[in-house]
Protein backbone atom coordinates (compact mmCIF):
# COMPACT_ATOMS: atom_id res chain seq x y z
CA MET A 1 78.10 53.45 46.14
CA LYS A 2 80.36 50.55 45.30
CA ASP A 3 81.03 51.16 41.46
CA ILE A 4 81.34 54.79 41.87
CA LYS A 5 84.57 55.90 40.66
CA CYS A 6 84.11 59.90 40.05
CA PHE A 7 81.81 62.35 42.38
CA VAL A 8 81.01 65.47 40.27
CA LEU A 9 81.04 67.99 43.35
CA ASP A 10 78.52 71.64 42.84
CA MET A 11 80.34 74.55 44.79
CA ASP A 12 78.10 77.16 46.35
CA GLY A 13 76.50 75.89 49.37
CA THR A 14 78.63 71.99 48.78
CA ILE A 15 81.99 72.80 49.07
CA TYR A 16 82.25 75.96 50.55
CA LEU A 17 79.31 79.05 51.22
CA GLY A 18 79.99 82.27 49.44
CA ASP A 19 84.22 82.88 50.65
CA GLU A 20 84.34 80.65 53.48
CA LEU A 21 85.09 77.12 52.33
CA PHE A 22 83.32 74.52 55.23
CA SER A 23 85.84 73.06 57.73
CA TYR A 24 85.54 69.38 56.21
CA THR A 25 86.14 70.63 53.04
CA LYS A 26 89.55 69.73 52.06
CA ASP A 27 89.42 66.78 54.58
CA PHE A 28 86.87 64.96 52.38
CA LEU A 29 89.36 65.81 49.19
CA LYS A 30 91.94 63.76 50.63
CA LYS A 31 89.26 60.83 51.64
CA ALA A 32 88.79 61.09 48.74
CA GLU A 33 92.01 61.20 46.97
CA ALA A 34 93.35 58.10 48.97
CA LEU A 35 90.44 55.78 47.83
CA GLY A 36 91.38 56.07 44.53
CA LEU A 37 88.44 58.32 43.40
CA ASP A 38 88.45 60.50 40.61
CA ILE A 39 86.35 64.03 41.96
CA TRP A 40 85.38 67.03 39.38
CA PHE A 41 83.38 70.46 39.95
CA TYR A 42 80.78 71.76 38.60
CA THR A 43 78.91 75.40 39.26
CA ASN A 44 76.29 76.49 37.76
CA ASN A 45 77.18 80.14 38.31
CA SER A 46 77.71 81.57 34.76
CA SER A 47 78.43 85.09 36.40
CA LYS A 48 82.06 83.78 36.60
CA ASN A 49 84.22 81.62 34.84
CA PRO A 50 86.64 78.62 35.28
CA GLU A 51 89.64 80.44 36.08
CA PHE A 52 87.94 82.50 38.52
CA TYR A 53 86.64 79.32 40.36
CA ILE A 54 90.80 77.55 39.95
CA GLU A 55 91.59 81.26 41.74
CA LYS A 56 89.08 81.12 44.47
CA LEU A 57 90.10 77.79 45.11
CA LYS A 58 93.89 78.81 45.78
CA LYS A 59 93.14 81.21 47.96
CA MET A 60 91.72 78.91 50.01
CA GLY A 61 94.50 76.23 50.17
CA ILE A 62 92.94 73.70 47.23
CA ASP A 63 95.28 73.75 43.89
CA TRP A 64 92.59 71.95 41.31
CA PRO A 65 93.39 70.97 37.72
CA LEU A 66 91.89 74.29 35.43
CA GLU A 67 90.46 70.96 33.16
CA LYS A 68 88.73 69.64 35.97
CA MET A 69 86.62 72.90 37.30
CA LEU A 70 83.41 72.82 34.55
CA ILE A 71 80.74 75.35 34.57
CA SER A 72 77.39 75.95 32.93
CA ASN A 73 79.70 78.80 30.42
CA GLN A 74 81.15 76.12 28.98
CA VAL A 75 77.83 73.82 28.52
CA ILE A 76 75.93 76.79 25.95
CA ILE A 77 79.40 77.70 24.36
CA LYS A 78 79.43 74.20 23.02
CA TYR A 79 76.14 74.58 21.97
CA LEU A 80 76.26 77.66 20.00
CA LEU A 81 79.39 76.65 18.56
CA ASP A 82 77.35 72.88 17.28
CA ASN A 83 74.29 74.50 16.13
CA HIS A 84 74.40 78.13 15.61
CA LYS A 85 77.77 78.77 14.58
CA ASP A 86 76.96 82.07 11.83
CA SER A 87 74.54 83.58 14.04
CA LYS A 88 74.49 86.86 16.15
CA VAL A 89 74.10 86.67 19.33
CA TYR A 90 73.08 89.27 22.32
CA LEU A 91 74.48 87.86 25.16
CA SER A 92 73.51 89.55 28.98
CA GLY A 93 76.20 88.30 31.51
CA THR A 94 79.07 89.36 33.38
CA SER A 95 82.95 90.42 32.22
CA TYR A 96 84.00 86.79 32.28
CA LEU A 97 81.09 85.50 30.62
CA HIS A 98 82.09 88.10 27.42
CA GLU A 99 85.68 86.50 27.77
CA ASP A 100 84.39 82.71 27.52
CA PHE A 101 82.41 83.49 24.69
CA LYS A 102 84.45 86.12 23.33
CA LYS A 103 87.74 82.87 23.61
CA ALA A 104 84.98 80.93 22.24
CA GLY A 105 84.56 82.87 18.61
CA ILE A 106 80.91 83.52 19.33
CA ASN A 107 79.65 86.57 16.92
CA LEU A 108 78.33 88.86 19.74
CA SER A 109 76.64 91.63 18.49
CA ASP A 110 73.52 94.00 19.82
CA LYS A 111 71.88 93.96 16.18
CA ASP A 112 69.93 92.14 14.18
CA CYS A 113 70.36 88.37 16.74
CA ASP A 114 69.25 85.41 15.79
CA VAL A 115 69.67 84.48 19.49
CA VAL A 116 69.87 85.83 22.59
CA VAL A 117 71.87 84.20 26.01
CA MET A 118 71.26 85.80 29.65
CA GLY A 119 73.58 84.92 32.16
CA PHE A 120 74.12 85.38 36.06
CA ASP A 121 74.32 89.26 34.93
CA THR A 122 75.28 90.81 38.03
CA SER A 123 75.60 93.83 35.82
CA LEU A 124 72.37 93.78 34.81
CA THR A 125 71.01 97.43 33.71
CA TYR A 126 67.13 97.85 32.38
CA GLU A 127 68.32 98.81 28.60
CA LYS A 128 69.39 94.72 28.64
CA LEU A 129 66.40 93.59 28.91
CA VAL A 130 64.77 96.17 27.10
CA ILE A 131 67.25 95.18 23.97
CA ALA A 132 66.54 90.95 25.06
CA SER A 133 63.03 91.57 25.12
CA ASP A 134 62.98 93.36 21.78
CA PHE A 135 65.20 89.91 20.08
CA VAL A 136 62.65 87.71 21.77
CA ARG A 137 59.89 89.61 21.00
CA TYR A 138 60.72 89.08 16.86
CA GLY A 139 62.32 85.53 16.77
CA ALA A 140 65.47 85.18 18.56
CA LYS A 141 66.04 81.91 20.06
CA PHE A 142 65.59 82.50 24.52
CA TYR A 143 68.86 80.26 26.07
CA GLY A 144 69.51 80.73 30.04
CA VAL A 145 72.83 79.64 30.81
CA ASN A 146 71.52 78.60 34.67
CA MET A 147 68.47 78.01 35.70
CA ASP A 148 69.10 78.40 38.70
CA TYR A 149 66.85 81.08 40.85
CA ASN A 150 68.95 82.24 43.76
CA CYS A 151 72.35 82.43 44.14
CA PRO A 152 73.38 81.82 47.89
CA THR A 153 74.96 84.50 49.71
CA GLU A 154 76.53 85.11 53.62
CA THR A 155 73.90 87.84 53.52
CA GLY A 156 70.62 85.65 52.18
CA PHE A 157 69.44 84.54 48.32
CA ILE A 158 69.89 87.01 45.49
CA PRO A 159 68.32 87.09 41.75
CA ASP A 160 69.76 84.43 39.69
CA CYS A 161 70.14 84.09 35.97
CA GLY A 162 66.90 81.87 35.79
CA SER A 163 64.65 85.08 38.00
CA ILE A 164 66.15 87.40 35.15
CA CYS A 165 65.46 84.62 32.37
CA LYS A 166 61.40 84.86 34.34
CA LEU A 167 61.35 88.50 34.15
CA ILE A 168 62.49 88.21 29.85
CA GLU A 169 59.33 85.41 29.58
CA ALA A 170 56.37 87.10 31.78
CA SER A 171 57.27 90.07 29.08
CA THR A 172 57.56 88.37 26.05
CA GLY A 173 55.40 84.87 26.81
CA VAL A 174 59.16 83.28 25.27
CA ALA A 175 60.50 81.03 28.10
CA ALA A 176 64.30 80.03 27.41
CA GLU A 177 65.66 76.64 27.11
CA PHE A 178 68.11 76.44 29.60
CA PHE A 179 71.71 74.57 29.52
CA GLY A 180 73.81 74.49 33.16
CA LYS A 181 72.50 71.42 35.90
CA PRO A 182 69.58 69.17 34.87
CA SER A 183 69.78 69.88 31.59
CA SER A 184 70.35 66.98 29.45
CA HIS A 185 73.18 69.35 27.79
CA THR A 186 74.76 69.35 31.03
CA ALA A 187 74.95 65.74 31.51
CA ASN A 188 75.61 64.55 28.54
CA TYR A 189 79.29 67.34 28.83
CA ILE A 190 80.09 65.74 32.06
CA LEU A 191 79.39 62.11 30.01
CA ASP A 192 81.98 63.60 27.58
CA ARG A 193 84.06 65.53 29.72
CA THR A 194 84.84 63.14 32.31
CA GLY A 195 84.91 60.32 29.99
CA TYR A 196 83.06 57.64 32.78
CA SER A 197 79.92 56.00 32.25
CA LYS A 198 76.44 56.96 33.67
CA ASP A 199 76.53 54.30 36.47
CA GLN A 200 79.81 55.42 37.32
CA ILE A 201 79.11 59.33 38.31
CA ALA A 202 77.26 60.23 41.63
CA ILE A 203 76.35 64.20 41.46
CA VAL A 204 76.72 65.55 44.87
CA GLY A 205 75.03 68.96 45.82
CA ASP A 206 73.03 70.82 48.01
CA ARG A 207 70.03 71.65 44.91
CA LEU A 208 67.38 69.49 44.43
CA TYR A 209 65.48 71.51 40.90
CA THR A 210 69.94 71.40 40.36
CA ASP A 211 71.95 68.96 41.07
CA ILE A 212 69.50 66.54 42.32
CA ALA A 213 67.08 66.77 39.35
CA LEU A 214 70.41 66.65 37.23
CA GLY A 215 70.87 62.91 38.47
CA VAL A 216 66.89 61.79 38.46
CA ASN A 217 66.49 63.49 34.82
CA ASN A 218 69.69 62.12 32.88
CA GLY A 219 70.03 58.53 35.52
CA ILE A 220 72.96 59.33 37.24
CA LYS A 221 73.49 58.32 40.88
CA SER A 222 72.95 61.75 42.80
CA PHE A 223 73.48 63.06 46.81
CA LEU A 224 72.34 65.54 48.71
CA VAL A 225 73.99 67.62 51.34
CA MET A 226 72.33 69.03 53.82
CA SER A 227 75.00 72.18 53.94
CA GLY A 228 73.56 74.47 51.56
CA GLU A 229 70.15 75.90 50.59
CA ALA A 230 67.58 72.07 50.19
CA LYS A 231 65.96 72.07 54.08
CA GLU A 232 64.08 68.95 55.62
CA GLU A 233 60.62 70.65 53.97
CA ASP A 234 61.65 70.99 51.18
CA LEU A 235 62.32 67.27 50.68
CA LYS A 236 58.62 65.78 51.18
CA THR A 237 57.26 68.21 48.75
CA SER A 238 59.91 68.36 45.87
CA GLU A 239 59.20 65.21 42.71
CA PHE A 240 63.32 65.02 42.46
CA LYS A 241 64.13 62.38 45.43
CA PRO A 242 68.51 62.12 45.43
CA ASP A 243 69.42 58.35 46.39
CA TYR A 244 71.49 59.32 48.81
CA ILE A 245 71.46 62.23 51.68
CA PHE A 246 73.76 63.60 54.16
CA LYS A 247 74.12 66.21 56.16
CA ASN A 248 77.53 67.67 55.19
CA LEU A 249 80.82 66.36 52.72
CA GLU A 250 82.24 65.50 55.98
CA GLU A 251 79.26 62.72 56.45
CA LEU A 252 79.52 61.58 53.77
CA GLY A 253 83.79 60.74 53.91
CA LYS A 254 82.53 58.69 56.81
CA ALA A 255 80.07 56.92 54.75
CA LEU A 256 83.10 56.24 51.86
CA GLU A 257 85.31 55.19 55.13
CA ASP A 258 82.73 52.72 56.63
CA LEU A 259 82.52 50.94 52.46
CA GLU A 260 85.91 50.32 51.81
CA ARG A 261 86.39 48.95 55.22
């Protein structure tokens, strides 16, 4: 771990659960800062935007710079600007996702679209599914912002973007290309934004098929925390094996202190 200069932390299930900050999160952030480690946040949750999360952290007593709050929305927006600048894009998502797309100058439409983007749309309607499926069926590119099947909440899991995209895939026979964790799109975006090399970064999160897979698939160290979705039994069957496993960020913080000694 001595080569690591930057931790990219997942949020829900890693630093908090729903609206409840874990008791050890602030302590961990202070320890990391004292040890000279750079901390960035990255969330796959495309139902919100960076400004929302900065405000959420502030309400939890954490003041964080906006430029160090990364989200899957930003990854797909960059790709669309680079590869579909003149395309008409049908977007199914919340008002936060729409706001991000409009700010970036993406050409949103519900007529003659050649790109369909599905986000974690908590305002999803059957009509949106029909429109998206029709465009995909007739040849539009089909993109999902994040591949998560479930979003953790205080009361259990709710269907996320990956589940919504599976519904459209079942109807059209076309699978979505995803842009959040664990895609190479996200890995390259993180490297570009943080300015660190692969051997200087560690991904920290609670999900094997997104957080840990991001590290495994892209040659970046991955740290699993058992404070969210992943359970002991999942480790036995998952193809994605983390470099390190910790009970939570508190245990990771203690390991970092011991390393310094």
